Amino acid sequence: MNMEKPSNQEEEYFARQEFERRKRLMEEQKQKLKAEEQTHFKELHWMHCPKCGMELVEIAYQGIKIDKCTSCAGIWLDAGELEQVADAKTGFLSGFLKVFKG
């Protein structure tokens, strides 16, 4: 049985292939952990006040659902809700919106 030793080029090729395979696996694991972490944090913080951490309840204001804290009474708006509130009522809120639109 005549077994030839692989050449340096062959060894380098296979080492590179193995490195790339492991690199891909590590990247996939990293992405999976990141997704799991995001899901975990969303579950922990879902409908909790960003100021005091207590529970938020949804209230209707002029047909718009707004989150209000049960403890500190803070009002929290989701993306697009400030624009909806400003469109629903002129005056202070429409002027206030200009500050956030840049």
PDB file of N, CA and C in Angstrom:
ATOM      1  N   MET A   1       0.844  -1.166   0.000  1.00  0.00           N
ATOM      2  CA  MET A   1       0.000   0.000   0.000  1.00  0.00           C
ATOM      3  C   MET A   1       0.893   1.233   0.000  1.00  0.00           C
ATOM      4  N   ASN A   2       0.790   2.004  -1.024  1.00  0.00           N
ATOM      5  CA  ASN A   2       1.641   3.177  -1.187  1.00  0.00           C
ATOM      6  C   ASN A   2       0.830   4.429  -0.873  1.00  0.00           C
ATOM      7  N   MET A   3       1.041   5.001   0.307  1.00  0.00           N
ATOM      8  CA  MET A   3       0.341   6.225   0.694  1.00  0.00           C
ATOM      9  C   MET A   3       1.305   7.388   0.572  1.00  0.00           C
ATOM     10  N   GLU A   4       0.921   8.304  -0.269  1.00  0.00           N
ATOM     11  CA  GLU A   4       1.756   9.479  -0.438  1.00  0.00           C
ATOM     12  C   GLU A   4       1.324  10.565   0.521  1.00  0.00           C
ATOM     13  N   LYS A   5       2.287  11.272   1.026  1.00  0.00           N
ATOM     14  CA  LYS A   5       2.012  12.383   1.921  1.00  0.00           C
ATOM     15  C   LYS A   5       1.459  13.546   1.080  1.00  0.00           C
ATOM     16  N   PRO A   6       0.394  14.220   1.556  1.00  0.00           N
ATOM     17  CA  PRO A   6      -0.138  15.341   0.785  1.00  0.00           C
ATOM     18  C   PRO A   6       0.895  16.457   0.669  1.00  0.00           C
ATOM     19  N   SER A   7       0.809  17.170  -0.423  1.00  0.00           N
ATOM     20  CA  SER A   7       1.736  18.283  -0.627  1.00  0.00           C
ATOM     21  C   SER A   7       1.346  19.445   0.286  1.00  0.00           C
ATOM     22  N   ASN A   8       2.237  20.396   0.408  1.00  0.00           N
ATOM     23  CA  ASN A   8       1.955  21.576   1.233  1.00  0.00           C
ATOM     24  C   ASN A   8       0.739  22.334   0.721  1.00  0.00           C
ATOM     25  N   GLN A   9       0.593  22.388  -0.597  1.00  0.00           N
ATOM     26  CA  GLN A   9      -0.551  23.076  -1.181  1.00  0.00           C
ATOM     27  C   GLN A   9      -1.853  22.366  -0.808  1.00  0.00           C
ATOM     28  N   GLU A  10      -1.826  21.038  -0.849  1.00  0.00           N
ATOM     29  CA  GLU A  10      -3.020  20.287  -0.470  1.00  0.00           C
ATOM     30  C   GLU A  10      -3.340  20.488   1.004  1.00  0.00           C
ATOM     31  N   GLU A  11      -2.339  20.458   1.852  1.00  0.00           N
ATOM     32  CA  GLU A  11      -2.554  20.675   3.282  1.00  0.00           C
ATOM     33  C   GLU A  11      -3.123  22.067   3.534  1.00  0.00           C
ATOM     34  N   GLU A  12      -2.568  23.061   2.846  1.00  0.00           N
ATOM     35  CA  GLU A  12      -3.063  24.428   2.993  1.00  0.00           C
ATOM     36  C   GLU A  12      -4.516  24.528   2.533  1.00  0.00           C
ATOM     37  N   TYR A  13      -4.822  23.886   1.424  1.00  0.00           N
ATOM     38  CA  TYR A  13      -6.182  23.908   0.877  1.00  0.00           C
ATOM     39  C   TYR A  13      -7.171  23.334   1.897  1.00  0.00           C
ATOM     40  N   PHE A  14      -6.852  22.138   2.416  1.00  0.00           N
ATOM     41  CA  PHE A  14      -7.758  21.501   3.369  1.00  0.00           C
ATOM     42  C   PHE A  14      -7.832  22.275   4.687  1.00  0.00           C
ATOM     43  N   ALA A  15      -6.732  22.863   5.115  1.00  0.00           N
ATOM     44  CA  ALA A  15      -6.744  23.683   6.333  1.00  0.00           C
ATOM     45  C   ALA A  15      -7.639  24.905   6.122  1.00  0.00           C
ATOM     46  N   ARG A  16      -7.549  25.513   4.944  1.00  0.00           N
ATOM     47  CA  ARG A  16      -8.387  26.677   4.624  1.00  0.00           C
ATOM     48  C   ARG A  16      -9.860  26.280   4.579  1.00  0.00           C
ATOM     49  N   GLN A  17     -10.145  25.150   3.971  1.00  0.00           N
ATOM     50  CA  GLN A  17     -11.518  24.650   3.896  1.00  0.00           C
ATOM     51  C   GLN A  17     -12.089  24.425   5.298  1.00  0.00           C
ATOM     52  N   GLU A  18     -11.294  23.798   6.149  1.00  0.00           N
ATOM     53  CA  GLU A  18     -11.729  23.536   7.528  1.00  0.00           C
ATOM     54  C   GLU A  18     -11.948  24.845   8.286  1.00  0.00           C
ATOM     55  N   PHE A  19     -11.040  25.793   8.102  1.00  0.00           N
ATOM     56  CA  PHE A  19     -11.179  27.095   8.753  1.00  0.00           C
ATOM     57  C   PHE A  19     -12.466  27.783   8.310  1.00  0.00           C
ATOM     58  N   GLU A  20     -12.745  27.796   7.016  1.00  0.00           N
ATOM     59  CA  GLU A  20     -13.957  28.441   6.491  1.00  0.00           C
ATOM     60  C   GLU A  20     -15.213  27.744   7.000  1.00  0.00           C
ATOM     61  N   ARG A  21     -15.181  26.419   7.069  1.00  0.00           N
ATOM     62  CA  ARG A  21     -16.332  25.665   7.586  1.00  0.00           C
ATOM     63  C   ARG A  21     -16.607  26.039   9.036  1.00  0.00           C
ATOM     64  N   ARG A  22     -15.555  26.064   9.846  1.00  0.00           N
ATOM     65  CA  ARG A  22     -15.721  26.414  11.260  1.00  0.00           C
ATOM     66  C   ARG A  22     -16.148  27.868  11.432  1.00  0.00           C
ATOM     67  N   LYS A  23     -15.625  28.729  10.589  1.00  0.00           N
ATOM     68  CA  LYS A  23     -15.994  30.145  10.635  1.00  0.00           C
ATOM     69  C   LYS A  23     -17.493  30.308  10.346  1.00  0.00           C
ATOM     70  N   ARG A  24     -17.998  29.586   9.321  1.00  0.00           N
ATOM     71  CA  ARG A  24     -19.425  29.629   8.994  1.00  0.00           C
ATOM     72  C   ARG A  24     -20.272  29.121  10.149  1.00  0.00           C
ATOM     73  N   LEU A  25     -19.835  28.012  10.757  1.00  0.00           N
ATOM     74  CA  LEU A  25     -20.578  27.458  11.899  1.00  0.00           C
ATOM     75  C   LEU A  25     -20.635  28.449  13.060  1.00  0.00           C
ATOM     76  N   MET A  26     -19.523  29.089  13.347  1.00  0.00           N
ATOM     77  CA  MET A  26     -19.482  30.073  14.431  1.00  0.00           C
ATOM     78  C   MET A  26     -20.397  31.262  14.136  1.00  0.00           C
ATOM     79  N   GLU A  27     -20.396  31.706  12.889  1.00  0.00           N
ATOM     80  CA  GLU A  27     -21.258  32.835  12.494  1.00  0.00           C
ATOM     81  C   GLU A  27     -22.731  32.452  12.613  1.00  0.00           C
ATOM     82  N   GLU A  28     -23.076  31.240  12.203  1.00  0.00           N
ATOM     83  CA  GLU A  28     -24.450  30.761  12.328  1.00  0.00           C
ATOM     84  C   GLU A  28     -24.868  30.688  13.792  1.00  0.00           C
ATOM     85  N   GLN A  29     -23.976  30.183  14.649  1.00  0.00           N
ATOM     86  CA  GLN A  29     -24.272  30.110  16.078  1.00  0.00           C
ATOM     87  C   GLN A  29     -24.446  31.508  16.665  1.00  0.00           C
ATOM     88  N   LYS A  30     -23.605  32.424  16.241  1.00  0.00           N
ATOM     89  CA  LYS A  30     -23.679  33.810  16.718  1.00  0.00           C
ATOM     90  C   LYS A  30     -25.019  34.434  16.331  1.00  0.00           C
ATOM     91  N   GLN A  31     -25.455  34.231  15.082  1.00  0.00           N
ATOM     92  CA  GLN A  31     -26.730  34.773  14.620  1.00  0.00           C
ATOM     93  C   GLN A  31     -27.897  34.148  15.390  1.00  0.00           C
ATOM     94  N   LYS A  32     -27.815  32.854  15.633  1.00  0.00           N
ATOM     95  CA  LYS A  32     -28.879  32.164  16.372  1.00  0.00           C
ATOM     96  C   LYS A  32     -28.967  32.701  17.798  1.00  0.00           C
ATOM     97  N   LEU A  33     -27.820  32.873  18.453  1.00  0.00           N
ATOM     98  CA  LEU A  33     -27.810  33.412  19.812  1.00  0.00           C
ATOM     99  C   LEU A  33     -28.338  34.837  19.848  1.00  0.00           C
ATOM    100  N   LYS A  34     -27.988  35.625  18.850  1.00  0.00           N
ATOM    101  CA  LYS A  34     -28.471  37.000  18.782  1.00  0.00           C
ATOM    102  C   LYS A  34     -29.993  37.024  18.662  1.00  0.00           C
ATOM    103  N   ALA A  35     -30.544  36.187  17.798  1.00  0.00           N
ATOM    104  CA  ALA A  35     -31.998  36.116  17.634  1.00  0.00           C
ATOM    105  C   ALA A  35     -32.666  35.654  18.924  1.00  0.00           C
ATOM    106  N   GLU A  36     -32.081  34.655  19.582  1.00  0.00           N
ATOM    107  CA  GLU A  36     -32.635  34.166  20.845  1.00  0.00           C
ATOM    108  C   GLU A  36     -32.570  35.256  21.916  1.00  0.00           C
ATOM    109  N   GLU A  37     -31.476  36.006  21.935  1.00  0.00           N
ATOM    110  CA  GLU A  37     -31.319  37.085  22.914  1.00  0.00           C
ATOM    111  C   GLU A  37     -32.358  38.172  22.683  1.00  0.00           C
ATOM    112  N   GLN A  38     -32.594  38.528  21.428  1.00  0.00           N
ATOM    113  CA  GLN A  38     -33.600  39.544  21.124  1.00  0.00           C
ATOM    114  C   GLN A  38     -34.985  39.078  21.564  1.00  0.00           C
ATOM    115  N   THR A  39     -35.305  37.829  21.302  1.00  0.00           N
ATOM    116  CA  THR A  39     -36.592  37.277  21.720  1.00  0.00           C
ATOM    117  C   THR A  39     -36.703  37.302  23.238  1.00  0.00           C
ATOM    118  N   HIS A  40     -35.632  36.923  23.919  1.00  0.00           N
ATOM    119  CA  HIS A  40     -35.631  36.907  25.379  1.00  0.00           C
ATOM    120  C   HIS A  40     -35.861  38.315  25.947  1.00  0.00           C
ATOM    121  N   PHE A  41     -35.147  39.307  25.422  1.00  0.00           N
ATOM    122  CA  PHE A  41     -35.308  40.675  25.915  1.00  0.00           C
ATOM    123  C   PHE A  41     -36.696  41.223  25.609  1.00  0.00           C
ATOM    124  N   LYS A  42     -37.236  40.878  24.456  1.00  0.00           N
ATOM    125  CA  LYS A  42     -38.583  41.331  24.123  1.00  0.00           C
ATOM    126  C   LYS A  42     -39.585  40.756  25.120  1.00  0.00           C
ATOM    127  N   GLU A  43     -39.429  39.469  25.456  1.00  0.00           N
ATOM    128  CA  GLU A  43     -40.322  38.844  26.426  1.00  0.00           C
ATOM    129  C   GLU A  43     -40.188  39.499  27.799  1.00  0.00           C
ATOM    130  N   LEU A  44     -38.966  39.837  28.193  1.00  0.00           N
ATOM    131  CA  LEU A  44     -38.740  40.473  29.495  1.00  0.00           C
ATOM    132  C   LEU A  44     -39.345  41.870  29.584  1.00  0.00           C
ATOM    133  N   HIS A  45     -39.251  42.632  28.499  1.00  0.00           N
ATOM    134  CA  HIS A  45     -39.625  44.039  28.533  1.00  0.00           C
ATOM    135  C   HIS A  45     -40.962  44.361  27.896  1.00  0.00           C
ATOM    136  N   TRP A  46     -41.609  43.386  27.297  1.00  0.00           N
ATOM    137  CA  TRP A  46     -42.853  43.629  26.587  1.00  0.00           C
ATOM    138  C   TRP A  46     -43.887  44.224  27.529  1.00  0.00           C
ATOM    139  N   MET A  47     -44.389  45.386  27.159  1.00  0.00           N
ATOM    140  CA  MET A  47     -45.429  46.115  27.904  1.00  0.00           C
ATOM    141  C   MET A  47     -44.986  46.451  29.332  1.00  0.00           C
ATOM    142  N   HIS A  48     -43.701  46.822  29.453  1.00  0.00           N
ATOM    143  CA  HIS A  48     -43.176  47.343  30.707  1.00  0.00           C
ATOM    144  C   HIS A  48     -42.640  48.745  30.463  1.00  0.00           C
ATOM    145  N   CYS A  49     -42.845  49.610  31.422  1.00  0.00           N
ATOM    146  CA  CYS A  49     -42.448  51.008  31.317  1.00  0.00           C
ATOM    147  C   CYS A  49     -40.928  51.139  31.201  1.00  0.00           C
ATOM    148  N   PRO A  50     -40.436  51.882  30.203  1.00  0.00           N
ATOM    149  CA  PRO A  50     -38.986  52.072  30.077  1.00  0.00           C
ATOM    150  C   PRO A  50     -38.413  52.962  31.181  1.00  0.00           C
ATOM    151  N   LYS A  51     -39.273  53.699  31.876  1.00  0.00           N
ATOM    152  CA  LYS A  51     -38.804  54.593  32.943  1.00  0.00           C
ATOM    153  C   LYS A  51     -38.708  53.876  34.288  1.00  0.00           C
ATOM    154  N   CYS A  52     -39.780  53.182  34.687  1.00  0.00           N
ATOM    155  CA  CYS A  52     -39.784  52.571  36.023  1.00  0.00           C
ATOM    156  C   CYS A  52     -39.887  51.048  35.997  1.00  0.00           C
ATOM    157  N   GLY A  53     -40.168  50.463  34.834  1.00  0.00           N
ATOM    158  CA  GLY A  53     -40.214  49.011  34.720  1.00  0.00           C
ATOM    159  C   GLY A  53     -41.539  48.366  35.072  1.00  0.00           C
ATOM    160  N   MET A  54     -42.512  49.160  35.479  1.00  0.00           N
ATOM    161  CA  MET A  54     -43.811  48.587  35.836  1.00  0.00           C
ATOM    162  C   MET A  54     -44.628  48.306  34.574  1.00  0.00           C
ATOM    163  N   GLU A  55     -45.787  47.706  34.772  1.00  0.00           N
ATOM    164  CA  GLU A  55     -46.610  47.266  33.650  1.00  0.00           C
ATOM    165  C   GLU A  55     -47.266  48.441  32.922  1.00  0.00           C
ATOM    166  N   LEU A  56     -47.331  48.320  31.598  1.00  0.00           N
ATOM    167  CA  LEU A  56     -48.034  49.292  30.769  1.00  0.00           C
ATOM    168  C   LEU A  56     -49.399  48.739  30.405  1.00  0.00           C
ATOM    169  N   VAL A  57     -50.383  49.634  30.306  1.00  0.00           N
ATOM    170  CA  VAL A  57     -51.700  49.249  29.809  1.00  0.00           C
ATOM    171  C   VAL A  57     -51.987  50.085  28.574  1.00  0.00           C
ATOM    172  N   GLU A  58     -52.731  49.502  27.671  1.00  0.00           N
ATOM    173  CA  GLU A  58     -53.082  50.193  26.441  1.00  0.00           C
ATOM    174  C   GLU A  58     -54.370  50.964  26.658  1.00  0.00           C
ATOM    175  N   ILE A  59     -54.350  52.247  26.324  1.00  0.00           N
ATOM    176  CA  ILE A  59     -55.559  53.063  26.411  1.00  0.00           C
ATOM    177  C   ILE A  59     -55.833  53.634  25.029  1.00  0.00           C
ATOM    178  N   ALA A  60     -57.088  53.929  24.771  1.00  0.00           N
ATOM    179  CA  ALA A  60     -57.466  54.516  23.484  1.00  0.00           C
ATOM    180  C   ALA A  60     -57.575  56.022  23.651  1.00  0.00           C
ATOM    181  N   TYR A  61     -56.925  56.749  22.761  1.00  0.00           N
ATOM    182  CA  TYR A  61     -57.000  58.203  22.743  1.00  0.00           C
ATOM    183  C   TYR A  61     -57.284  58.616  21.314  1.00  0.00           C
ATOM    184  N   GLN A  62     -58.467  59.144  21.087  1.00  0.00           N
ATOM    185  CA  GLN A  62     -58.899  59.569  19.752  1.00  0.00           C
ATOM    186  C   GLN A  62     -58.665  58.462  18.717  1.00  0.00           C
ATOM    187  N   GLY A  63     -58.999  57.228  19.096  1.00  0.00           N
ATOM    188  CA  GLY A  63     -58.887  56.090  18.195  1.00  0.00           C
ATOM    189  C   GLY A  63     -57.480  55.539  18.039  1.00  0.00           C
ATOM    190  N   ILE A  64     -56.546  56.063  18.826  1.00  0.00           N
ATOM    191  CA  ILE A  64     -55.155  55.626  18.752  1.00  0.00           C
ATOM    192  C   ILE A  64     -54.826  54.897  20.049  1.00  0.00           C
ATOM    193  N   LYS A  65     -54.200  53.730  19.936  1.00  0.00           N
ATOM    194  CA  LYS A  65     -53.818  52.964  21.132  1.00  0.00           C
ATOM    195  C   LYS A  65     -52.495  53.514  21.666  1.00  0.00           C
ATOM    196  N   ILE A  66     -52.511  53.957  22.907  1.00  0.00           N
ATOM    197  CA  ILE A  66     -51.346  54.548  23.559  1.00  0.00           C
ATOM    198  C   ILE A  66     -51.048  53.725  24.810  1.00  0.00           C
ATOM    199  N   ASP A  67     -49.771  53.555  25.140  1.00  0.00           N
ATOM    200  CA  ASP A  67     -49.378  52.790  26.323  1.00  0.00           C
ATOM    201  C   ASP A  67     -49.189  53.748  27.501  1.00  0.00           C
ATOM    202  N   LYS A  68     -49.810  53.395  28.649  1.00  0.00           N
ATOM    203  CA  LYS A  68     -49.703  54.220  29.855  1.00  0.00           C
ATOM    204  C   LYS A  68     -49.224  53.349  31.005  1.00  0.00           C
ATOM    205  N   CYS A  69     -48.259  53.870  31.766  1.00  0.00           N
ATOM    206  CA  CYS A  69     -47.697  53.130  32.891  1.00  0.00           C
ATOM    207  C   CYS A  69     -48.674  53.117  34.056  1.00  0.00           C
ATOM    208  N   THR A  70     -48.806  51.970  34.690  1.00  0.00           N
ATOM    209  CA  THR A  70     -49.703  51.824  35.837  1.00  0.00           C
ATOM    210  C   THR A  70     -49.106  52.414  37.107  1.00  0.00           C
ATOM    211  N   SER A  71     -47.810  52.725  37.098  1.00  0.00           N
ATOM    212  CA  SER A  71     -47.144  53.243  38.292  1.00  0.00           C
ATOM    213  C   SER A  71     -46.828  54.729  38.189  1.00  0.00           C
ATOM    214  N   CYS A  72     -46.014  55.116  37.221  1.00  0.00           N
ATOM    215  CA  CYS A  72     -45.573  56.514  37.131  1.00  0.00           C
ATOM    216  C   CYS A  72     -46.461  57.347  36.212  1.00  0.00           C
ATOM    217  N   ALA A  73     -47.458  56.720  35.572  1.00  0.00           N
ATOM    218  CA  ALA A  73     -48.414  57.378  34.682  1.00  0.00           C
ATOM    219  C   ALA A  73     -47.760  57.947  33.426  1.00  0.00           C
ATOM    220  N   GLY A  74     -46.560  57.465  33.086  1.00  0.00           N
ATOM    221  CA  GLY A  74     -45.914  57.893  31.849  1.00  0.00           C
ATOM    222  C   GLY A  74     -46.690  57.411  30.640  1.00  0.00           C
ATOM    223  N   ILE A  75     -46.646  58.204  29.593  1.00  0.00           N
ATOM    224  CA  ILE A  75     -47.332  57.872  28.347  1.00  0.00           C
ATOM    225  C   ILE A  75     -46.265  57.528  27.323  1.00  0.00           C
ATOM    226  N   TRP A  76     -46.434  56.397  26.644  1.00  0.00           N
ATOM    227  CA  TRP A  76     -45.448  55.927  25.680  1.00  0.00           C
ATOM    228  C   TRP A  76     -46.132  55.671  24.354  1.00  0.00           C
ATOM    229  N   LEU A  77     -45.503  56.152  23.283  1.00  0.00           N
ATOM    230  CA  LEU A  77     -46.053  56.020  21.941  1.00  0.00           C
ATOM    231  C   LEU A  77     -45.180  55.089  21.112  1.00  0.00           C
ATOM    232  N   ASP A  78     -45.833  54.220  20.348  1.00  0.00           N
ATOM    233  CA  ASP A  78     -45.116  53.359  19.421  1.00  0.00           C
ATOM    234  C   ASP A  78     -44.814  54.152  18.156  1.00  0.00           C
ATOM    235  N   ALA A  79     -44.005  53.581  17.286  1.00  0.00           N
ATOM    236  CA  ALA A  79     -43.637  54.243  16.036  1.00  0.00           C
ATOM    237  C   ALA A  79     -44.887  54.660  15.264  1.00  0.00           C
ATOM    238  N   GLY A  80     -44.929  55.922  14.844  1.00  0.00           N
ATOM    239  CA  GLY A  80     -46.038  56.435  14.053  1.00  0.00           C
ATOM    240  C   GLY A  80     -47.197  56.983  14.860  1.00  0.00           C
ATOM    241  N   GLU A  81     -47.269  56.673  16.151  1.00  0.00           N
ATOM    242  CA  GLU A  81     -48.402  57.128  16.949  1.00  0.00           C
ATOM    243  C   GLU A  81     -48.341  58.625  17.252  1.00  0.00           C
ATOM    244  N   LEU A  82     -47.156  59.185  17.404  1.00  0.00           N
ATOM    245  CA  LEU A  82     -47.049  60.627  17.636  1.00  0.00           C
ATOM    246  C   LEU A  82     -47.615  61.386  16.436  1.00  0.00           C
ATOM    247  N   GLU A  83     -47.311  60.931  15.238  1.00  0.00           N
ATOM    248  CA  GLU A  83     -47.854  61.561  14.040  1.00  0.00           C
ATOM    249  C   GLU A  83     -49.372  61.443  14.002  1.00  0.00           C
ATOM    250  N   GLN A  84     -49.899  60.301  14.402  1.00  0.00           N
ATOM    251  CA  GLN A  84     -51.353  60.107  14.417  1.00  0.00           C
ATOM    252  C   GLN A  84     -52.010  61.051  15.422  1.00  0.00           C
ATOM    253  N   VAL A  85     -51.421  61.178  16.604  1.00  0.00           N
ATOM    254  CA  VAL A  85     -51.980  62.069  17.625  1.00  0.00           C
ATOM    255  C   VAL A  85     -51.917  63.512  17.127  1.00  0.00           C
ATOM    256  N   ALA A  86     -50.811  63.900  16.517  1.00  0.00           N
ATOM    257  CA  ALA A  86     -50.659  65.269  16.017  1.00  0.00           C
ATOM    258  C   ALA A  86     -51.651  65.548  14.890  1.00  0.00           C
ATOM    259  N   ASP A  87     -51.901  64.568  14.037  1.00  0.00           N
ATOM    260  CA  ASP A  87     -52.866  64.752  12.950  1.00  0.00           C
ATOM    261  C   ASP A  87     -54.289  64.848  13.486  1.00  0.00           C
ATOM    262  N   ALA A  88     -54.563  64.161  14.588  1.00  0.00           N
ATOM    263  CA  ALA A  88     -55.902  64.136  15.153  1.00  0.00           C
ATOM    264  C   ALA A  88     -56.252  65.448  15.840  1.00  0.00           C
ATOM    265  N   LYS A  89     -55.276  66.197  16.285  1.00  0.00           N
ATOM    266  CA  LYS A  89     -55.554  67.417  17.045  1.00  0.00           C
ATOM    267  C   LYS A  89     -54.533  68.476  16.657  1.00  0.00           C
ATOM    268  N   THR A  90     -54.983  69.666  16.345  1.00  0.00           N
ATOM    269  CA  THR A  90     -54.067  70.759  16.022  1.00  0.00           C
ATOM    270  C   THR A  90     -53.666  71.480  17.297  1.00  0.00           C
ATOM    271  N   GLY A  91     -52.683  72.337  17.190  1.00  0.00           N
ATOM    272  CA  GLY A  91     -52.247  73.106  18.354  1.00  0.00           C
ATOM    273  C   GLY A  91     -50.934  72.582  18.874  1.00  0.00           C
ATOM    274  N   PHE A  92     -50.883  72.395  20.192  1.00  0.00           N
ATOM    275  CA  PHE A  92     -49.648  72.016  20.865  1.00  0.00           C
ATOM    276  C   PHE A  92     -49.012  70.764  20.263  1.00  0.00           C
ATOM    277  N   LEU A  93     -49.806  69.728  20.044  1.00  0.00           N
ATOM    278  CA  LEU A  93     -49.236  68.467  19.572  1.00  0.00           C
ATOM    279  C   LEU A  93     -48.649  68.576  18.176  1.00  0.00           C
ATOM    280  N   SER A  94     -49.291  69.316  17.282  1.00  0.00           N
ATOM    281  CA  SER A  94     -48.726  69.433  15.939  1.00  0.00           C
ATOM    282  C   SER A  94     -47.442  70.238  15.971  1.00  0.00           C
ATOM    283  N   GLY A  95     -47.339  71.249  16.830  1.00  0.00           N
ATOM    284  CA  GLY A  95     -46.103  72.006  16.985  1.00  0.00           C
ATOM    285  C   GLY A  95     -45.025  71.168  17.644  1.00  0.00           C
ATOM    286  N   PHE A  96     -45.423  70.366  18.597  1.00  0.00           N
ATOM    287  CA  PHE A  96     -44.502  69.484  19.299  1.00  0.00           C
ATOM    288  C   PHE A  96     -43.891  68.452  18.356  1.00  0.00           C
ATOM    289  N   LEU A  97     -44.706  67.993  17.403  1.00  0.00           N
ATOM    290  CA  LEU A  97     -44.243  67.001  16.438  1.00  0.00           C
ATOM    291  C   LEU A  97     -43.094  67.544  15.599  1.00  0.00           C
ATOM    292  N   LYS A  98     -43.107  68.825  15.287  1.00  0.00           N
ATOM    293  CA  LYS A  98     -42.062  69.433  14.459  1.00  0.00           C
ATOM    294  C   LYS A  98     -40.688  69.271  15.112  1.00  0.00           C
ATOM    295  N   VAL A  99     -40.637  69.233  16.428  1.00  0.00           N
ATOM    296  CA  VAL A  99     -39.379  69.048  17.135  1.00  0.00           C
ATOM    297  C   VAL A  99     -38.759  67.693  16.799  1.00  0.00           C
ATOM    298  N   PHE A 100     -39.595  66.664  16.642  1.00  0.00           N
ATOM    299  CA  PHE A 100     -39.102  65.305  16.415  1.00  0.00           C
ATOM    300  C   PHE A 100     -38.905  64.966  14.952  1.00  0.00           C
ATOM    301  N   LYS A 101     -39.506  65.691  14.053  1.00  0.00           N
ATOM    302  CA  LYS A 101     -39.357  65.395  12.630  1.00  0.00           C
ATOM    303  C   LYS A 101     -38.061  65.945  12.076  1.00  0.00           C
ATOM    304  N   GLY A 102     -37.414  66.841  12.788  1.00  0.00           N
ATOM    305  CA  GLY A 102     -36.121  67.359  12.358  1.00  0.00           C
ATOM    306  C   GLY A 102     -36.280  68.368  11.342  1.00  0.00           C
TER     307      GLY A 102
END
